N, C-alpha and C. Protein backbone atom coordinates (compact mmCIF):
# COMPACT_ATOMS: atom_id res chain seq x y z
N UNK A 1 -214.13 -37.99 -50.86
CA UNK A 1 -213.46 -38.90 -51.60
C UNK A 1 -212.98 -38.10 -52.83
N UNK A 2 -211.53 -38.28 -52.94
CA UNK A 2 -210.81 -37.52 -53.94
C UNK A 2 -210.41 -38.32 -55.00
N UNK A 3 -211.25 -39.57 -55.33
CA UNK A 3 -210.84 -40.27 -56.52
C UNK A 3 -211.83 -40.16 -57.64
N UNK A 4 -211.46 -40.04 -58.83
CA UNK A 4 -212.27 -39.60 -60.08
C UNK A 4 -212.10 -40.72 -61.00
N UNK A 5 -213.12 -41.43 -61.42
CA UNK A 5 -212.91 -42.34 -62.46
C UNK A 5 -212.64 -41.94 -63.81
N UNK A 6 -211.95 -42.52 -64.77
CA UNK A 6 -211.69 -41.92 -66.03
C UNK A 6 -212.41 -42.32 -67.10
N UNK A 7 -212.47 -41.51 -68.22
CA UNK A 7 -213.21 -41.87 -69.48
C UNK A 7 -214.86 -42.08 -69.05
N UNK A 8 -215.23 -43.05 -69.46
CA UNK A 8 -216.88 -43.26 -69.29
C UNK A 8 -217.09 -44.23 -68.09
N UNK A 9 -216.09 -44.41 -67.19
CA UNK A 9 -216.22 -45.27 -65.99
C UNK A 9 -217.07 -44.55 -64.91
N UNK A 10 -217.88 -45.43 -64.35
CA UNK A 10 -218.93 -44.94 -63.19
C UNK A 10 -218.60 -45.74 -61.91
N UNK A 11 -218.44 -45.21 -60.81
CA UNK A 11 -218.38 -45.77 -59.53
C UNK A 11 -219.44 -46.00 -58.84
N UNK A 12 -219.96 -47.29 -58.68
CA UNK A 12 -221.37 -47.61 -58.16
C UNK A 12 -221.30 -47.96 -56.63
N UNK A 13 -222.12 -47.71 -55.67
CA UNK A 13 -222.24 -48.53 -54.44
C UNK A 13 -223.50 -49.33 -54.55
N UNK A 14 -223.35 -50.53 -54.58
CA UNK A 14 -224.60 -51.61 -54.78
C UNK A 14 -225.58 -51.40 -53.47
N UNK A 15 -226.75 -51.49 -53.52
CA UNK A 15 -227.77 -51.76 -52.53
C UNK A 15 -227.57 -53.01 -51.92
N UNK A 16 -227.82 -53.25 -50.69
CA UNK A 16 -228.02 -54.46 -49.96
C UNK A 16 -228.90 -55.48 -50.69
N UNK A 17 -228.48 -56.69 -50.79
CA UNK A 17 -229.68 -57.61 -51.27
C UNK A 17 -230.67 -57.82 -50.15
N UNK A 18 -232.00 -57.98 -50.59
CA UNK A 18 -232.93 -58.46 -49.73
C UNK A 18 -233.41 -59.86 -50.24
N UNK A 19 -233.89 -60.55 -49.18
CA UNK A 19 -234.53 -61.79 -49.60
C UNK A 19 -236.20 -61.83 -49.56
N UNK A 20 -236.69 -60.70 -49.11
CA UNK A 20 -238.07 -60.26 -49.18
C UNK A 20 -238.42 -58.87 -49.76
N UNK A 21 -239.57 -58.93 -50.29
CA UNK A 21 -240.10 -57.66 -50.78
C UNK A 21 -240.63 -57.06 -49.55
N UNK A 22 -241.15 -55.73 -49.74
CA UNK A 22 -241.51 -54.80 -48.58
C UNK A 22 -242.93 -55.42 -48.13
N UNK A 23 -243.60 -56.25 -49.10
CA UNK A 23 -244.84 -56.71 -48.63
C UNK A 23 -244.72 -58.09 -47.99
N UNK A 24 -243.43 -58.53 -47.83
CA UNK A 24 -243.14 -59.78 -47.13
C UNK A 24 -242.89 -61.09 -48.12
N UNK A 25 -243.20 -60.87 -49.48
CA UNK A 25 -242.93 -62.04 -50.25
C UNK A 25 -241.44 -62.61 -50.39
N UNK A 26 -241.21 -63.78 -50.22
CA UNK A 26 -239.84 -64.14 -50.15
C UNK A 26 -239.27 -64.43 -51.71
N UNK A 27 -238.15 -63.79 -51.83
CA UNK A 27 -237.79 -63.73 -53.27
C UNK A 27 -236.78 -64.85 -53.34
N UNK A 28 -237.09 -65.84 -54.40
CA UNK A 28 -236.18 -66.97 -54.82
C UNK A 28 -234.77 -66.56 -55.39
N UNK A 29 -233.79 -67.49 -54.92
CA UNK A 29 -232.49 -67.13 -55.45
C UNK A 29 -232.31 -67.54 -56.97
N UNK A 30 -231.59 -66.76 -57.53
CA UNK A 30 -231.48 -67.15 -58.97
C UNK A 30 -232.47 -66.17 -59.96
N UNK A 31 -233.26 -65.40 -59.25
CA UNK A 31 -234.24 -64.53 -60.12
C UNK A 31 -233.69 -63.23 -59.94
N UNK A 32 -232.49 -62.62 -59.13
CA UNK A 32 -232.35 -61.36 -59.18
C UNK A 32 -231.32 -61.16 -60.10
N UNK A 33 -231.76 -60.83 -61.46
CA UNK A 33 -230.68 -60.81 -62.55
C UNK A 33 -230.21 -59.37 -62.65
N UNK A 34 -231.00 -58.40 -61.87
CA UNK A 34 -230.66 -56.85 -61.75
C UNK A 34 -230.43 -56.63 -60.36
N UNK A 35 -229.28 -55.48 -60.20
CA UNK A 35 -229.27 -54.90 -58.81
C UNK A 35 -229.52 -53.57 -58.85
N UNK A 36 -229.69 -52.96 -57.94
CA UNK A 36 -229.88 -51.50 -57.97
C UNK A 36 -228.60 -50.99 -57.12
N UNK A 37 -228.05 -49.85 -57.72
CA UNK A 37 -226.99 -48.95 -57.25
C UNK A 37 -227.14 -47.72 -57.19
N UNK A 38 -226.54 -46.97 -56.35
CA UNK A 38 -226.23 -45.63 -56.29
C UNK A 38 -224.89 -45.22 -57.07
N UNK A 39 -224.93 -43.96 -57.82
CA UNK A 39 -223.87 -43.58 -58.54
C UNK A 39 -223.08 -42.73 -57.64
N UNK A 40 -221.84 -43.03 -57.25
CA UNK A 40 -221.00 -42.29 -56.28
C UNK A 40 -220.30 -41.17 -57.05
N UNK A 41 -219.53 -41.56 -58.30
CA UNK A 41 -218.72 -40.66 -58.92
C UNK A 41 -218.80 -41.10 -60.52
N UNK A 42 -218.48 -40.08 -61.41
CA UNK A 42 -218.64 -40.58 -62.77
C UNK A 42 -217.45 -40.09 -63.38
N UNK A 43 -216.77 -40.32 -64.46
CA UNK A 43 -215.80 -40.00 -65.32
C UNK A 43 -216.23 -38.91 -66.14
N UNK A 44 -215.24 -38.13 -66.65
CA UNK A 44 -215.67 -36.96 -67.53
C UNK A 44 -216.30 -37.27 -68.97
N UNK A 45 -216.23 -38.64 -69.39
CA UNK A 45 -216.91 -39.05 -70.63
C UNK A 45 -215.77 -39.35 -71.76
N UNK A 46 -216.08 -39.94 -72.84
CA UNK A 46 -215.16 -40.27 -73.71
C UNK A 46 -214.95 -39.06 -74.90
N UNK A 47 -213.92 -39.08 -75.66
CA UNK A 47 -213.69 -38.29 -76.77
C UNK A 47 -214.17 -38.91 -77.97
N UNK A 48 -214.54 -38.09 -79.11
CA UNK A 48 -214.67 -38.70 -80.29
C UNK A 48 -213.56 -38.57 -81.16
N UNK A 49 -213.66 -39.16 -82.34
CA UNK A 49 -212.46 -38.93 -83.14
C UNK A 49 -212.06 -37.51 -83.64
N UNK A 50 -213.03 -36.69 -83.59
CA UNK A 50 -212.76 -35.26 -83.82
C UNK A 50 -212.37 -34.48 -82.66
N UNK A 51 -212.25 -35.08 -81.38
CA UNK A 51 -211.76 -34.38 -80.11
C UNK A 51 -212.93 -33.65 -79.30
N UNK A 52 -214.19 -33.88 -79.71
CA UNK A 52 -215.18 -33.35 -78.72
C UNK A 52 -215.39 -34.34 -77.77
N UNK A 53 -216.03 -34.03 -76.61
CA UNK A 53 -216.33 -34.99 -75.41
C UNK A 53 -217.79 -35.42 -75.64
N UNK A 54 -217.96 -36.60 -75.50
CA UNK A 54 -219.46 -37.20 -75.38
C UNK A 54 -219.76 -37.03 -73.83
N UNK A 55 -220.77 -36.39 -73.57
CA UNK A 55 -221.16 -36.35 -72.10
C UNK A 55 -221.80 -37.57 -71.52
N UNK A 56 -221.60 -37.70 -70.32
CA UNK A 56 -222.15 -38.76 -69.57
C UNK A 56 -223.59 -38.65 -69.48
N UNK A 57 -224.45 -39.72 -69.56
CA UNK A 57 -225.84 -39.65 -69.25
C UNK A 57 -226.38 -40.05 -67.72
N UNK A 58 -225.33 -40.33 -66.90
CA UNK A 58 -225.75 -40.48 -65.65
C UNK A 58 -225.04 -39.55 -64.78
N UNK A 59 -225.48 -39.21 -63.66
CA UNK A 59 -225.03 -38.35 -62.78
C UNK A 59 -224.82 -38.76 -61.42
N UNK A 60 -223.74 -38.12 -60.63
CA UNK A 60 -223.68 -38.57 -59.34
C UNK A 60 -225.03 -38.27 -58.45
N UNK A 61 -225.43 -39.38 -57.72
CA UNK A 61 -226.55 -39.29 -56.99
C UNK A 61 -227.69 -40.08 -57.56
N UNK A 62 -227.57 -40.63 -58.95
CA UNK A 62 -228.51 -41.19 -59.54
C UNK A 62 -228.66 -42.57 -59.11
N UNK A 63 -229.82 -43.30 -59.14
CA UNK A 63 -230.07 -44.74 -58.82
C UNK A 63 -230.26 -45.46 -60.23
N UNK A 64 -229.53 -46.46 -60.14
CA UNK A 64 -229.39 -47.21 -61.54
C UNK A 64 -229.74 -48.62 -61.29
N UNK A 65 -229.89 -49.41 -62.31
CA UNK A 65 -230.21 -50.86 -62.35
C UNK A 65 -228.94 -51.42 -63.24
N UNK A 66 -228.32 -52.44 -62.68
CA UNK A 66 -227.24 -52.92 -63.57
C UNK A 66 -227.41 -54.62 -63.46
N UNK A 67 -227.20 -55.19 -64.57
CA UNK A 67 -227.17 -56.68 -64.74
C UNK A 67 -226.30 -57.41 -63.86
N UNK A 68 -226.51 -58.49 -63.13
CA UNK A 68 -225.68 -59.08 -62.23
C UNK A 68 -224.38 -59.52 -62.99
N UNK A 69 -224.45 -59.90 -64.30
CA UNK A 69 -223.45 -60.33 -65.15
C UNK A 69 -222.21 -59.05 -65.25
N UNK A 70 -222.72 -58.01 -65.13
CA UNK A 70 -221.78 -56.79 -65.20
C UNK A 70 -221.08 -56.50 -64.02
N UNK A 71 -221.35 -57.00 -62.83
CA UNK A 71 -220.50 -56.74 -61.42
C UNK A 71 -220.05 -57.88 -61.09
N UNK A 72 -219.20 -57.72 -60.09
CA UNK A 72 -218.54 -59.04 -59.34
C UNK A 72 -217.13 -58.59 -59.02
N UNK A 73 -216.47 -59.65 -58.29
CA UNK A 73 -215.13 -59.39 -57.86
C UNK A 73 -214.18 -58.83 -58.76
N UNK A 74 -214.38 -59.04 -60.13
CA UNK A 74 -213.32 -58.55 -60.91
C UNK A 74 -213.56 -56.96 -61.22
N UNK A 75 -214.76 -56.51 -60.91
CA UNK A 75 -215.01 -54.90 -60.97
C UNK A 75 -214.98 -54.42 -59.63
N UNK A 76 -214.69 -55.08 -58.65
CA UNK A 76 -214.78 -54.29 -57.14
C UNK A 76 -213.65 -53.72 -56.86
N UNK A 77 -213.78 -52.49 -56.26
CA UNK A 77 -212.67 -51.79 -55.90
C UNK A 77 -212.92 -51.43 -54.28
N UNK A 78 -212.11 -51.18 -53.62
CA UNK A 78 -212.08 -50.75 -52.06
C UNK A 78 -211.39 -49.45 -51.90
N UNK A 79 -212.16 -48.54 -51.63
CA UNK A 79 -211.61 -47.25 -51.26
C UNK A 79 -212.01 -46.72 -49.87
N UNK A 80 -210.81 -46.50 -49.06
CA UNK A 80 -211.26 -46.25 -47.72
C UNK A 80 -211.97 -47.29 -46.68
N UNK A 81 -211.76 -48.47 -47.17
CA UNK A 81 -212.58 -49.54 -46.62
C UNK A 81 -213.97 -49.79 -46.96
N UNK A 82 -214.40 -48.98 -47.95
CA UNK A 82 -215.81 -49.23 -48.64
C UNK A 82 -215.59 -49.98 -49.83
N UNK A 83 -216.52 -50.97 -50.24
CA UNK A 83 -216.58 -51.52 -51.44
C UNK A 83 -217.53 -50.93 -52.51
N UNK A 84 -216.84 -50.63 -53.84
CA UNK A 84 -217.74 -50.17 -54.88
C UNK A 84 -217.57 -51.13 -55.97
N UNK A 85 -218.25 -50.65 -57.01
CA UNK A 85 -218.13 -51.37 -58.33
C UNK A 85 -217.83 -50.35 -59.52
N UNK A 86 -216.79 -50.69 -60.16
CA UNK A 86 -216.45 -49.82 -61.18
C UNK A 86 -216.69 -50.36 -62.52
N UNK A 87 -217.73 -49.73 -62.99
CA UNK A 87 -218.25 -50.42 -64.37
C UNK A 87 -218.19 -49.16 -65.53
N UNK A 88 -218.35 -49.57 -66.74
CA UNK A 88 -218.49 -48.71 -67.98
C UNK A 88 -219.87 -48.18 -67.90
N UNK A 89 -220.33 -46.83 -68.42
CA UNK A 89 -221.51 -46.16 -68.47
C UNK A 89 -222.33 -47.35 -69.40
N UNK A 90 -221.85 -47.82 -70.33
CA UNK A 90 -222.71 -48.54 -71.38
C UNK A 90 -223.22 -49.88 -70.54
N UNK A 91 -222.64 -50.28 -69.50
CA UNK A 91 -223.06 -51.50 -68.87
C UNK A 91 -224.14 -51.39 -67.91
N UNK A 92 -224.59 -49.96 -67.57
CA UNK A 92 -225.81 -49.70 -66.72
C UNK A 92 -226.97 -49.92 -67.70
N UNK A 93 -228.04 -50.60 -67.03
CA UNK A 93 -229.38 -50.95 -67.77
C UNK A 93 -230.21 -49.79 -67.79
N UNK A 94 -230.48 -49.32 -66.57
CA UNK A 94 -231.73 -48.46 -66.57
C UNK A 94 -231.26 -47.28 -65.48
N UNK A 95 -231.79 -46.11 -65.62
CA UNK A 95 -231.48 -44.78 -64.75
C UNK A 95 -232.89 -44.41 -64.19
N UNK A 96 -233.04 -44.42 -62.89
CA UNK A 96 -234.40 -43.96 -62.14
C UNK A 96 -234.29 -42.39 -62.47
N UNK A 97 -235.58 -42.11 -62.81
CA UNK A 97 -235.85 -40.54 -62.91
C UNK A 97 -236.73 -40.14 -62.04
């Protein structure tokens, strides 16, 4: 993929939603406020008023959690037939370490 997000934007590939946990417990709808996603590409970061660049805290390959309010059709992009979410770094809630 030769696309690169600008500024502090992050290109995410959402994990598939599951309706059961690994132990077999059925998850009720409406309780999945957060979604897991993989970071596919990141922008170079934002500039400060003095011209220095603020580095990104996420990296390509990271697994993150993002609130379902921060994703949706309005942030969906399609590249080579694959669907991704394009969000700002500040919209990401957690990074898996």
